[in-house]
Amino acid sequence: MNNLGALKALYVALGGSAETVANMTLLSEVIAAMANLTLCVAPELPAVTAENDGAVLKVVNGKWAIGTDLTE
């Protein structure tokens, strides 16, 4: 998967519509769409600090939570 494909997949994983990014061919277009989507989902993300370096996000009881690794 190239960078464009990865960003499109991330956009969809964050809750964006696959149709929105399906025909985008420029990284800048996908990045702009990602920025707009991030503004919508950012309030749902947990606050982080330097102490969380290396942590991953996971869903716990329907909400984002900070985890320590992908196998939790």
PDB file of N, CA and C in Angstrom:
ATOM      1  N   MET A   1       0.859  -1.171   0.000  1.00  0.00           N
ATOM      2  CA  MET A   1       0.000   0.000   0.000  1.00  0.00           C
ATOM      3  C   MET A   1       0.902   1.230   0.000  1.00  0.00           C
ATOM      4  N   ASN A   2       0.582   2.193  -0.825  1.00  0.00           N
ATOM      5  CA  ASN A   2       1.363   3.425  -0.861  1.00  0.00           C
ATOM      6  C   ASN A   2       0.815   4.436   0.147  1.00  0.00           C
ATOM      7  N   ASN A   3       1.469   5.578   0.238  1.00  0.00           N
ATOM      8  CA  ASN A   3       1.058   6.600   1.218  1.00  0.00           C
ATOM      9  C   ASN A   3      -0.370   7.074   0.987  1.00  0.00           C
ATOM     10  N   LEU A   4      -0.747   7.262  -0.267  1.00  0.00           N
ATOM     11  CA  LEU A   4      -2.098   7.725  -0.572  1.00  0.00           C
ATOM     12  C   LEU A   4      -3.127   6.693  -0.112  1.00  0.00           C
ATOM     13  N   GLY A   5      -2.862   5.435  -0.417  1.00  0.00           N
ATOM     14  CA  GLY A   5      -3.772   4.374   0.002  1.00  0.00           C
ATOM     15  C   GLY A   5      -3.857   4.257   1.508  1.00  0.00           C
ATOM     16  N   ALA A   6      -2.727   4.420   2.175  1.00  0.00           N
ATOM     17  CA  ALA A   6      -2.705   4.345   3.636  1.00  0.00           C
ATOM     18  C   ALA A   6      -3.517   5.475   4.250  1.00  0.00           C
ATOM     19  N   LEU A   7      -3.375   6.676   3.723  1.00  0.00           N
ATOM     20  CA  LEU A   7      -4.145   7.803   4.250  1.00  0.00           C
ATOM     21  C   LEU A   7      -5.633   7.621   4.003  1.00  0.00           C
ATOM     22  N   LYS A   8      -5.989   7.091   2.839  1.00  0.00           N
ATOM     23  CA  LYS A   8      -7.398   6.829   2.550  1.00  0.00           C
ATOM     24  C   LYS A   8      -7.955   5.808   3.538  1.00  0.00           C
ATOM     25  N   ALA A   9      -7.188   4.759   3.799  1.00  0.00           N
ATOM     26  CA  ALA A   9      -7.630   3.732   4.742  1.00  0.00           C
ATOM     27  C   ALA A   9      -7.784   4.310   6.147  1.00  0.00           C
ATOM     28  N   LEU A  10      -6.851   5.158   6.549  1.00  0.00           N
ATOM     29  CA  LEU A  10      -6.943   5.792   7.862  1.00  0.00           C
ATOM     30  C   LEU A  10      -8.164   6.694   7.937  1.00  0.00           C
ATOM     31  N   TYR A  11      -8.428   7.441   6.865  1.00  0.00           N
ATOM     32  CA  TYR A  11      -9.602   8.311   6.810  1.00  0.00           C
ATOM     33  C   TYR A  11     -10.867   7.499   7.072  1.00  0.00           C
ATOM     34  N   VAL A  12     -10.985   6.363   6.407  1.00  0.00           N
ATOM     35  CA  VAL A  12     -12.167   5.508   6.575  1.00  0.00           C
ATOM     36  C   VAL A  12     -12.186   4.905   7.981  1.00  0.00           C
ATOM     37  N   ALA A  13     -11.032   4.497   8.495  1.00  0.00           N
ATOM     38  CA  ALA A  13     -10.968   3.920   9.838  1.00  0.00           C
ATOM     39  C   ALA A  13     -11.396   4.914  10.907  1.00  0.00           C
ATOM     40  N   LEU A  14     -11.146   6.190  10.648  1.00  0.00           N
ATOM     41  CA  LEU A  14     -11.551   7.226  11.596  1.00  0.00           C
ATOM     42  C   LEU A  14     -13.021   7.599  11.471  1.00  0.00           C
ATOM     43  N   GLY A  15     -13.723   6.973  10.534  1.00  0.00           N
ATOM     44  CA  GLY A  15     -15.150   7.216  10.408  1.00  0.00           C
ATOM     45  C   GLY A  15     -15.564   7.984   9.183  1.00  0.00           C
ATOM     46  N   GLY A  16     -14.609   8.327   8.333  1.00  0.00           N
ATOM     47  CA  GLY A  16     -14.937   9.025   7.098  1.00  0.00           C
ATOM     48  C   GLY A  16     -15.512   8.072   6.067  1.00  0.00           C
ATOM     49  N   SER A  17     -16.177   8.622   5.083  1.00  0.00           N
ATOM     50  CA  SER A  17     -16.791   7.820   4.041  1.00  0.00           C
ATOM     51  C   SER A  17     -15.765   7.440   2.976  1.00  0.00           C
ATOM     52  N   ALA A  18     -15.756   6.168   2.605  1.00  0.00           N
ATOM     53  CA  ALA A  18     -14.859   5.704   1.545  1.00  0.00           C
ATOM     54  C   ALA A  18     -15.181   6.405   0.234  1.00  0.00           C
ATOM     55  N   GLU A  19     -16.442   6.742   0.021  1.00  0.00           N
ATOM     56  CA  GLU A  19     -16.845   7.434  -1.203  1.00  0.00           C
ATOM     57  C   GLU A  19     -16.216   8.825  -1.296  1.00  0.00           C
ATOM     58  N   THR A  20     -16.018   9.461  -0.158  1.00  0.00           N
ATOM     59  CA  THR A  20     -15.442  10.803  -0.138  1.00  0.00           C
ATOM     60  C   THR A  20     -14.033  10.813  -0.703  1.00  0.00           C
ATOM     61  N   VAL A  21     -13.248   9.804  -0.379  1.00  0.00           N
ATOM     62  CA  VAL A  21     -11.842   9.778  -0.793  1.00  0.00           C
ATOM     63  C   VAL A  21     -11.562   8.854  -1.971  1.00  0.00           C
ATOM     64  N   ALA A  22     -12.578   8.143  -2.449  1.00  0.00           N
ATOM     65  CA  ALA A  22     -12.374   7.145  -3.503  1.00  0.00           C
ATOM     66  C   ALA A  22     -11.701   7.711  -4.744  1.00  0.00           C
ATOM     67  N   ASN A  23     -12.079   8.886  -5.173  1.00  0.00           N
ATOM     68  CA  ASN A  23     -11.547   9.446  -6.417  1.00  0.00           C
ATOM     69  C   ASN A  23     -10.439  10.467  -6.203  1.00  0.00           C
ATOM     70  N   MET A  24      -9.979  10.632  -4.984  1.00  0.00           N
ATOM     71  CA  MET A  24      -8.887  11.570  -4.716  1.00  0.00           C
ATOM     72  C   MET A  24      -7.573  10.940  -5.161  1.00  0.00           C
ATOM     73  N   THR A  25      -6.772  11.723  -5.869  1.00  0.00           N
ATOM     74  CA  THR A  25      -5.504  11.204  -6.377  1.00  0.00           C
ATOM     75  C   THR A  25      -4.304  11.971  -5.839  1.00  0.00           C
ATOM     76  N   LEU A  26      -4.543  13.050  -5.145  1.00  0.00           N
ATOM     77  CA  LEU A  26      -3.456  13.856  -4.607  1.00  0.00           C
ATOM     78  C   LEU A  26      -3.402  13.718  -3.089  1.00  0.00           C
ATOM     79  N   LEU A  27      -2.196  13.569  -2.565  1.00  0.00           N
ATOM     80  CA  LEU A  27      -2.038  13.496  -1.112  1.00  0.00           C
ATOM     81  C   LEU A  27      -2.638  14.715  -0.436  1.00  0.00           C
ATOM     82  N   SER A  28      -2.464  15.880  -1.045  1.00  0.00           N
ATOM     83  CA  SER A  28      -2.972  17.109  -0.428  1.00  0.00           C
ATOM     84  C   SER A  28      -4.488  17.072  -0.269  1.00  0.00           C
ATOM     85  N   GLU A  29      -5.195  16.450  -1.210  1.00  0.00           N
ATOM     86  CA  GLU A  29      -6.652  16.337  -1.106  1.00  0.00           C
ATOM     87  C   GLU A  29      -7.045  15.454   0.080  1.00  0.00           C
ATOM     88  N   VAL A  30      -6.362  14.340   0.213  1.00  0.00           N
ATOM     89  CA  VAL A  30      -6.682  13.419   1.301  1.00  0.00           C
ATOM     90  C   VAL A  30      -6.288  14.031   2.640  1.00  0.00           C
ATOM     91  N   ILE A  31      -5.166  14.719   2.670  1.00  0.00           N
ATOM     92  CA  ILE A  31      -4.740  15.371   3.911  1.00  0.00           C
ATOM     93  C   ILE A  31      -5.749  16.434   4.330  1.00  0.00           C
ATOM     94  N   ALA A  32      -6.271  17.193   3.376  1.00  0.00           N
ATOM     95  CA  ALA A  32      -7.287  18.210   3.687  1.00  0.00           C
ATOM     96  C   ALA A  32      -8.556  17.545   4.220  1.00  0.00           C
ATOM     97  N   ALA A  33      -8.962  16.448   3.602  1.00  0.00           N
ATOM     98  CA  ALA A  33     -10.144  15.723   4.073  1.00  0.00           C
ATOM     99  C   ALA A  33      -9.905  15.175   5.474  1.00  0.00           C
ATOM    100  N   MET A  34      -8.678  14.674   5.706  1.00  0.00           N
ATOM    101  CA  MET A  34      -8.318  14.136   7.017  1.00  0.00           C
ATOM    102  C   MET A  34      -8.373  15.240   8.077  1.00  0.00           C
ATOM    103  N   ALA A  35      -7.892  16.425   7.733  1.00  0.00           N
ATOM    104  CA  ALA A  35      -7.907  17.539   8.685  1.00  0.00           C
ATOM    105  C   ALA A  35      -9.343  17.896   9.065  1.00  0.00           C
ATOM    106  N   ASN A  36     -10.228  17.915   8.085  1.00  0.00           N
ATOM    107  CA  ASN A  36     -11.635  18.218   8.369  1.00  0.00           C
ATOM    108  C   ASN A  36     -12.267  17.142   9.230  1.00  0.00           C
ATOM    109  N   LEU A  37     -11.971  15.893   8.939  1.00  0.00           N
ATOM    110  CA  LEU A  37     -12.514  14.792   9.728  1.00  0.00           C
ATOM    111  C   LEU A  37     -11.977  14.828  11.151  1.00  0.00           C
ATOM    112  N   THR A  38     -10.703  15.129  11.294  1.00  0.00           N
ATOM    113  CA  THR A  38     -10.075  15.177  12.613  1.00  0.00           C
ATOM    114  C   THR A  38     -10.745  16.204  13.504  1.00  0.00           C
ATOM    115  N   LEU A  39     -11.159  17.310  12.934  1.00  0.00           N
ATOM    116  CA  LEU A  39     -11.865  18.328  13.719  1.00  0.00           C
ATOM    117  C   LEU A  39     -13.158  17.771  14.287  1.00  0.00           C
ATOM    118  N   CYS A  40     -13.763  16.842  13.555  1.00  0.00           N
ATOM    119  CA  CYS A  40     -15.021  16.256  14.007  1.00  0.00           C
ATOM    120  C   CYS A  40     -14.815  15.195  15.080  1.00  0.00           C
ATOM    121  N   VAL A  41     -13.749  14.406  14.961  1.00  0.00           N
ATOM    122  CA  VAL A  41     -13.551  13.302  15.902  1.00  0.00           C
ATOM    123  C   VAL A  41     -12.629  13.651  17.054  1.00  0.00           C
ATOM    124  N   ALA A  42     -11.899  14.740  16.949  1.00  0.00           N
ATOM    125  CA  ALA A  42     -10.926  15.097  17.985  1.00  0.00           C
ATOM    126  C   ALA A  42     -11.533  15.164  19.384  1.00  0.00           C
ATOM    127  N   PRO A  43     -12.736  15.702  19.567  1.00  0.00           N
ATOM    128  CA  PRO A  43     -13.287  15.750  20.929  1.00  0.00           C
ATOM    129  C   PRO A  43     -13.459  14.366  21.550  1.00  0.00           C
ATOM    130  N   GLU A  44     -13.553  13.308  20.732  1.00  0.00           N
ATOM    131  CA  GLU A  44     -13.734  11.966  21.253  1.00  0.00           C
ATOM    132  C   GLU A  44     -12.416  11.315  21.657  1.00  0.00           C
ATOM    133  N   LEU A  45     -11.295  11.853  21.211  1.00  0.00           N
ATOM    134  CA  LEU A  45     -10.008  11.246  21.498  1.00  0.00           C
ATOM    135  C   LEU A  45      -9.535  11.640  22.893  1.00  0.00           C
ATOM    136  N   PRO A  46      -8.882  10.722  23.589  1.00  0.00           N
ATOM    137  CA  PRO A  46      -8.403  11.056  24.933  1.00  0.00           C
ATOM    138  C   PRO A  46      -7.242  12.043  24.886  1.00  0.00           C
ATOM    139  N   ALA A  47      -7.121  12.847  25.908  1.00  0.00           N
ATOM    140  CA  ALA A  47      -5.994  13.773  26.006  1.00  0.00           C
ATOM    141  C   ALA A  47      -4.727  12.953  26.227  1.00  0.00           C
ATOM    142  N   VAL A  48      -3.624  13.413  25.655  1.00  0.00           N
ATOM    143  CA  VAL A  48      -2.363  12.690  25.803  1.00  0.00           C
ATOM    144  C   VAL A  48      -1.259  13.638  26.242  1.00  0.00           C
ATOM    145  N   THR A  49      -0.215  13.050  26.840  1.00  0.00           N
ATOM    146  CA  THR A  49       0.971  13.802  27.230  1.00  0.00           C
ATOM    147  C   THR A  49       2.191  12.992  26.801  1.00  0.00           C
ATOM    148  N   ALA A  50       3.364  13.508  27.076  1.00  0.00           N
ATOM    149  CA  ALA A  50       4.603  12.802  26.740  1.00  0.00           C
ATOM    150  C   ALA A  50       4.671  11.443  27.433  1.00  0.00           C
ATOM    151  N   GLU A  51       3.987  11.296  28.554  1.00  0.00           N
ATOM    152  CA  GLU A  51       3.954  10.010  29.246  1.00  0.00           C
ATOM    153  C   GLU A  51       3.329   8.911  28.396  1.00  0.00           C
ATOM    154  N   ASN A  52       2.510   9.312  27.413  1.00  0.00           N
ATOM    155  CA  ASN A  52       1.827   8.347  26.565  1.00  0.00           C
ATOM    156  C   ASN A  52       2.626   7.967  25.320  1.00  0.00           C
ATOM    157  N   ASP A  53       3.858   8.459  25.188  1.00  0.00           N
ATOM    158  CA  ASP A  53       4.682   8.119  24.023  1.00  0.00           C
ATOM    159  C   ASP A  53       4.748   6.604  23.873  1.00  0.00           C
ATOM    160  N   GLY A  54       4.483   6.128  22.674  1.00  0.00           N
ATOM    161  CA  GLY A  54       4.524   4.699  22.394  1.00  0.00           C
ATOM    162  C   GLY A  54       3.216   3.978  22.645  1.00  0.00           C
ATOM    163  N   ALA A  55       2.234   4.654  23.228  1.00  0.00           N
ATOM    164  CA  ALA A  55       0.943   4.026  23.502  1.00  0.00           C
ATOM    165  C   ALA A  55       0.123   3.944  22.216  1.00  0.00           C
ATOM    166  N   VAL A  56      -0.880   3.119  22.220  1.00  0.00           N
ATOM    167  CA  VAL A  56      -1.798   2.974  21.098  1.00  0.00           C
ATOM    168  C   VAL A  56      -3.212   3.249  21.585  1.00  0.00           C
ATOM    169  N   LEU A  57      -4.101   3.558  20.647  1.00  0.00           N
ATOM    170  CA  LEU A  57      -5.505   3.744  21.002  1.00  0.00           C
ATOM    171  C   LEU A  57      -6.249   2.435  20.823  1.00  0.00           C
ATOM    172  N   LYS A  58      -7.199   2.198  21.693  1.00  0.00           N
ATOM    173  CA  LYS A  58      -8.084   1.047  21.560  1.00  0.00           C
ATOM    174  C   LYS A  58      -9.472   1.489  22.001  1.00  0.00           C
ATOM    175  N   VAL A  59     -10.459   0.718  21.670  1.00  0.00           N
ATOM    176  CA  VAL A  59     -11.830   1.043  22.059  1.00  0.00           C
ATOM    177  C   VAL A  59     -12.204   0.208  23.275  1.00  0.00           C
ATOM    178  N   VAL A  60     -12.669   0.884  24.315  1.00  0.00           N
ATOM    179  CA  VAL A  60     -13.110   0.231  25.535  1.00  0.00           C
ATOM    180  C   VAL A  60     -14.495   0.782  25.869  1.00  0.00           C
ATOM    181  N   ASN A  61     -15.463  -0.100  25.942  1.00  0.00           N
ATOM    182  CA  ASN A  61     -16.845   0.304  26.237  1.00  0.00           C
ATOM    183  C   ASN A  61     -17.343   1.398  25.293  1.00  0.00           C
ATOM    184  N   GLY A  62     -16.970   1.272  24.010  1.00  0.00           N
ATOM    185  CA  GLY A  62     -17.458   2.208  23.002  1.00  0.00           C
ATOM    186  C   GLY A  62     -16.767   3.553  22.970  1.00  0.00           C
ATOM    187  N   LYS A  63     -15.649   3.705  23.698  1.00  0.00           N
ATOM    188  CA  LYS A  63     -14.915   4.970  23.713  1.00  0.00           C
ATOM    189  C   LYS A  63     -13.435   4.695  23.499  1.00  0.00           C
ATOM    190  N   TRP A  64     -12.729   5.686  22.945  1.00  0.00           N
ATOM    191  CA  TRP A  64     -11.286   5.556  22.754  1.00  0.00           C
ATOM    192  C   TRP A  64     -10.584   5.584  24.099  1.00  0.00           C
ATOM    193  N   ALA A  65      -9.604   4.712  24.239  1.00  0.00           N
ATOM    194  CA  ALA A  65      -8.796   4.659  25.459  1.00  0.00           C
ATOM    195  C   ALA A  65      -7.345   4.432  25.054  1.00  0.00           C
ATOM    196  N   ILE A  66      -6.425   4.862  25.888  1.00  0.00           N
ATOM    197  CA  ILE A  66      -5.007   4.671  25.613  1.00  0.00           C
ATOM    198  C   ILE A  66      -4.587   3.299  26.110  1.00  0.00           C
ATOM    199  N   GLY A  67      -3.963   2.527  25.208  1.00  0.00           N
ATOM    200  CA  GLY A  67      -3.456   1.206  25.557  1.00  0.00           C
ATOM    201  C   GLY A  67      -1.948   1.222  25.567  1.00  0.00           C
ATOM    202  N   THR A  68      -1.362   0.102  25.883  1.00  0.00           N
ATOM    203  CA  THR A  68       0.097   0.035  25.909  1.00  0.00           C
ATOM    204  C   THR A  68       0.670  -0.733  24.728  1.00  0.00           C
ATOM    205  N   ASP A  69      -0.108  -1.653  24.146  1.00  0.00           N
ATOM    206  CA  ASP A  69       0.372  -2.346  22.959  1.00  0.00           C
ATOM    207  C   ASP A  69      -0.826  -2.877  22.171  1.00  0.00           C
ATOM    208  N   LEU A  70      -0.553  -3.398  20.978  1.00  0.00           N
ATOM    209  CA  LEU A  70      -1.620  -3.836  20.092  1.00  0.00           C
ATOM    210  C   LEU A  70      -2.237  -5.170  20.492  1.00  0.00           C
ATOM    211  N   THR A  71      -1.648  -5.868  21.442  1.00  0.00           N
ATOM    212  CA  THR A  71      -2.164  -7.177  21.816  1.00  0.00           C
ATOM    213  C   THR A  71      -3.091  -7.138  23.018  1.00  0.00           C
ATOM    214  N   GLU A  72      -3.304  -5.965  23.587  1.00  0.00           N
ATOM    215  CA  GLU A  72      -4.183  -5.865  24.763  1.00  0.00           C
ATOM    216  C   GLU A  72      -5.613  -6.172  24.387  1.00  0.00           C
TER     217      GLU A  72
END
